[in-house]
N, C-alpha and C. Protein backbone atom coordinates (compact mmCIF):
# COMPACT_ATOMS: atom_id res chain seq x y z
N MET A 1 133.24 102.20 103.61
CA MET A 1 132.11 102.76 102.78
C MET A 1 131.07 101.42 103.93
N ALA A 2 129.96 102.10 104.47
CA ALA A 2 129.01 100.67 105.07
C ALA A 2 127.79 101.28 104.00
N LYS A 3 127.40 99.76 103.83
CA LYS A 3 125.66 99.68 103.18
C LYS A 3 124.62 99.56 104.20
N HIS A 4 123.93 100.37 104.12
CA HIS A 4 122.49 100.56 104.44
C HIS A 4 121.31 100.43 103.95
N THR A 5 120.20 99.72 104.78
CA THR A 5 119.10 98.93 104.01
C THR A 5 117.67 100.10 105.09
N VAL A 6 116.67 99.91 104.42
CA VAL A 6 115.34 100.57 105.10
C VAL A 6 114.74 99.32 104.63
N ILE A 7 114.23 98.66 105.49
CA ILE A 7 113.55 97.62 105.97
C ILE A 7 111.78 97.92 106.71
N THR A 8 110.89 97.09 105.94
CA THR A 8 109.33 97.97 106.14
C THR A 8 109.27 96.87 107.15
N PRO A 9 108.71 97.44 108.74
CA PRO A 9 108.23 96.62 109.56
C PRO A 9 106.67 96.38 109.42
N LEU A 10 106.03 96.41 108.39
CA LEU A 10 104.58 96.58 108.28
C LEU A 10 103.91 95.71 106.75
N PRO A 11 103.08 95.35 106.79
CA PRO A 11 102.59 94.74 105.12
C PRO A 11 101.84 95.70 104.74
N GLY A 12 101.65 95.95 103.72
CA GLY A 12 100.73 97.25 103.48
C GLY A 12 101.50 97.44 101.84
N THR A 13 101.02 98.90 101.11
CA THR A 13 101.44 99.33 99.61
C THR A 13 102.60 100.42 100.54
N PHE A 14 103.59 100.34 99.93
CA PHE A 14 104.60 101.25 99.51
C PHE A 14 104.23 102.61 98.85
N TYR A 15 104.66 104.02 99.07
CA TYR A 15 104.41 105.02 98.62
C TYR A 15 105.76 106.29 98.47
N ARG A 16 106.03 106.86 97.62
CA ARG A 16 107.02 107.58 97.53
C ARG A 16 107.17 109.24 97.68
N LYS A 17 105.52 108.88 97.97
CA LYS A 17 105.01 110.28 98.16
C LYS A 17 103.70 110.80 98.75
N ALA A 18 103.43 111.79 99.74
CA ALA A 18 102.25 112.19 100.49
C ALA A 18 101.22 112.27 99.50
N THR A 19 100.91 112.70 98.41
CA THR A 19 99.48 112.30 97.48
C THR A 19 100.49 112.40 96.35
N PRO A 20 99.21 111.87 95.67
CA PRO A 20 99.54 111.50 93.83
C PRO A 20 100.54 112.87 93.51
N ASP A 21 99.60 114.49 93.52
CA ASP A 21 100.21 114.85 92.95
C ASP A 21 101.49 115.84 93.61
N SER A 22 102.25 115.40 94.98
CA SER A 22 103.17 115.53 95.75
C SER A 22 104.44 114.58 95.34
N ALA A 23 105.30 115.47 95.26
CA ALA A 23 107.07 115.17 94.48
C ALA A 23 107.51 114.40 95.45
N ASN A 24 108.30 113.67 95.30
CA ASN A 24 108.95 112.11 96.16
C ASN A 24 109.74 112.72 97.15
N TYR A 25 109.49 112.10 98.40
CA TYR A 25 110.01 112.72 99.17
C TYR A 25 111.60 112.51 99.25
N VAL A 26 112.20 111.72 98.94
CA VAL A 26 114.04 111.60 97.99
C VAL A 26 113.31 110.74 96.75
N GLU A 27 114.77 111.30 96.07
CA GLU A 27 115.42 110.81 94.79
C GLU A 27 116.71 109.70 95.03
N VAL A 28 116.62 108.86 94.53
CA VAL A 28 117.79 108.17 94.32
C VAL A 28 118.80 109.37 94.37
N GLY A 29 119.69 108.84 94.54
CA GLY A 29 121.42 109.51 94.51
C GLY A 29 121.20 111.03 95.38
N ALA A 30 120.37 110.73 96.51
CA ALA A 30 120.25 111.93 97.05
C ALA A 30 120.47 112.11 98.74
N GLN A 31 121.10 112.62 99.09
CA GLN A 31 122.01 112.25 100.47
C GLN A 31 120.73 112.68 101.48
N ILE A 32 120.97 111.61 102.45
CA ILE A 32 120.09 112.03 103.10
C ILE A 32 120.22 111.79 104.98
N SER A 33 119.57 112.05 105.95
CA SER A 33 119.78 112.22 107.20
C SER A 33 118.96 110.57 107.88
N ALA A 34 120.06 110.75 109.53
CA ALA A 34 118.63 109.54 109.77
C ALA A 34 117.51 110.20 110.01
N GLY A 35 116.30 109.35 110.42
CA GLY A 35 115.06 110.26 110.42
C GLY A 35 114.51 110.39 108.99
N THR A 36 115.39 110.84 107.72
CA THR A 36 114.77 111.63 106.64
C THR A 36 113.57 110.88 106.41
N VAL A 37 112.36 110.76 106.00
CA VAL A 37 111.41 110.16 105.23
C VAL A 37 111.66 110.16 103.64
N ILE A 38 111.96 108.53 103.60
CA ILE A 38 111.64 107.95 102.49
C ILE A 38 110.34 107.55 101.87
N GLY A 39 109.15 107.53 102.13
CA GLY A 39 108.29 106.59 101.78
C GLY A 39 107.03 106.69 102.87
N LEU A 40 106.06 106.14 102.67
CA LEU A 40 105.30 105.64 103.37
C LEU A 40 104.75 104.64 103.02
N ILE A 41 103.71 103.60 104.36
CA ILE A 41 103.43 102.29 104.46
C ILE A 41 101.68 102.42 104.69
N GLU A 42 101.20 101.97 103.52
CA GLU A 42 99.64 102.25 104.01
C GLU A 42 98.70 100.83 104.09
N VAL A 43 98.14 100.96 105.62
CA VAL A 43 97.46 99.64 105.93
C VAL A 43 95.98 99.60 106.01
N MET A 44 95.66 99.42 105.24
CA MET A 44 93.81 99.79 105.34
C MET A 44 93.70 101.20 105.67
N LYS A 45 94.35 101.84 105.23
CA LYS A 45 93.72 104.14 104.60
C LYS A 45 94.60 104.01 105.75
N GLN A 46 95.63 103.67 106.66
CA GLN A 46 96.61 104.04 108.17
C GLN A 46 98.07 104.45 107.17
N PHE A 47 98.52 105.76 107.55
CA PHE A 47 99.64 105.49 106.92
C PHE A 47 100.66 105.85 107.38
N SER A 48 101.56 105.40 107.59
CA SER A 48 102.99 104.99 108.41
C SER A 48 103.97 105.82 107.71
N GLU A 49 104.79 106.95 108.92
CA GLU A 49 106.34 107.29 107.86
C GLU A 49 107.11 106.00 107.95
N LEU A 50 108.11 106.13 106.84
CA LEU A 50 108.83 104.97 106.97
C LEU A 50 110.56 105.54 106.25
N THR A 51 111.36 105.69 107.60
CA THR A 51 112.45 106.41 107.28
C THR A 51 113.82 105.85 107.35
N ALA A 52 114.60 106.47 106.59
CA ALA A 52 116.50 106.15 106.54
C ALA A 52 116.70 106.00 108.86
N GLY A 53 117.57 104.99 108.72
CA GLY A 53 118.46 104.86 110.04
C GLY A 53 119.68 105.23 110.64
N ALA A 54 119.97 105.92 109.43
CA ALA A 54 121.49 106.65 109.35
C ALA A 54 121.65 107.74 108.04
N SER A 55 122.82 107.79 107.84
CA SER A 55 122.66 109.01 107.20
C SER A 55 123.85 108.54 106.05
N GLY A 56 123.31 109.29 105.14
CA GLY A 56 123.82 108.53 103.58
C GLY A 56 123.90 108.61 102.41
N ARG A 57 124.02 108.41 101.42
CA ARG A 57 123.66 108.90 100.01
C ARG A 57 123.10 107.49 98.90
N LEU A 58 121.38 107.72 99.38
CA LEU A 58 120.57 106.58 98.31
C LEU A 58 120.78 106.14 97.41
N ASN A 59 121.32 105.14 97.69
CA ASN A 59 121.31 104.14 95.99
C ASN A 59 119.95 103.44 95.37
N ALA A 60 118.83 103.23 95.89
CA ALA A 60 117.99 103.03 95.19
C ALA A 60 117.39 102.33 96.28
N PHE A 61 115.72 102.29 95.18
CA PHE A 61 114.79 101.56 95.68
C PHE A 61 114.57 100.30 94.99
N LEU A 62 113.96 99.46 96.20
CA LEU A 62 114.23 98.15 95.44
C LEU A 62 112.60 97.66 95.41
N VAL A 63 111.94 98.23 95.30
CA VAL A 63 110.21 98.16 94.96
C VAL A 63 109.63 99.64 94.97
N GLU A 64 108.62 99.04 94.03
CA GLU A 64 108.09 100.59 93.03
C GLU A 64 106.63 100.76 94.09
N ASP A 65 107.09 102.32 93.29
CA ASP A 65 105.58 103.20 94.12
C ASP A 65 104.33 102.65 93.63
N GLY A 66 103.68 102.00 95.14
CA GLY A 66 102.01 101.49 94.41
C GLY A 66 102.96 99.64 95.04
N ASP A 67 103.50 99.83 95.28
CA ASP A 67 103.86 97.92 95.43
C ASP A 67 103.40 97.76 96.62
N SER A 68 103.21 96.44 96.42
CA SER A 68 102.62 95.83 97.95
C SER A 68 104.03 95.26 98.50
N VAL A 69 104.09 95.37 99.80
CA VAL A 69 105.28 95.21 100.44
C VAL A 69 104.98 93.98 101.69
N GLU A 70 106.34 92.96 101.81
CA GLU A 70 105.41 92.57 103.26
C GLU A 70 106.87 92.72 104.23
N PRO A 71 106.41 92.20 105.59
CA PRO A 71 107.38 92.60 106.99
C PRO A 71 108.64 92.54 106.52
N GLY A 72 109.81 93.11 106.91
CA GLY A 72 111.37 92.83 106.60
C GLY A 72 112.20 92.55 105.02
N GLN A 73 110.40 93.14 104.21
CA GLN A 73 111.54 93.36 102.88
C GLN A 73 112.24 94.55 103.27
N VAL A 74 112.64 94.58 102.22
CA VAL A 74 114.10 95.75 102.04
C VAL A 74 113.30 96.51 100.79
N ILE A 75 113.33 98.15 101.41
CA ILE A 75 112.69 99.09 100.50
C ILE A 75 113.50 99.94 99.92
N ALA A 76 114.68 100.09 100.28
CA ALA A 76 116.30 100.79 99.82
C ALA A 76 117.11 100.64 100.59
N THR A 77 118.32 100.81 99.13
CA THR A 77 119.70 100.83 99.84
C THR A 77 120.30 102.03 99.98
N PHE A 78 120.85 102.31 100.88
CA PHE A 78 122.05 103.57 100.80
C PHE A 78 123.37 103.70 101.64
N ASP A 79 124.42 104.28 101.24
CA ASP A 79 125.66 104.08 101.42
C ASP A 79 126.03 105.42 103.14
N ASP A 80 126.62 104.97 103.66
CA ASP A 80 127.43 106.06 104.61
C ASP A 80 128.11 106.90 103.35
N GLU A 81 128.15 108.03 104.19
CA GLU A 81 129.42 109.05 102.91
C GLU A 81 130.16 109.57 104.66
């Protein structure tokens, strides 16, 4: 089983949901596909989707909703299935 990471290409603020009242895009333990949106990175009121690069099961988020992130930082991990 291969391990994968989701890495942010941008600095900014990480959000797990589209709006404060929305459900999270995905939860830990969920099956995800390549291209699945796992969160957003906000930079100066512009939001960019952060997506998985492969399919698998989401293991963990390494940052919390609302945390500041830097380019190259690992946001989440997942395994092939």
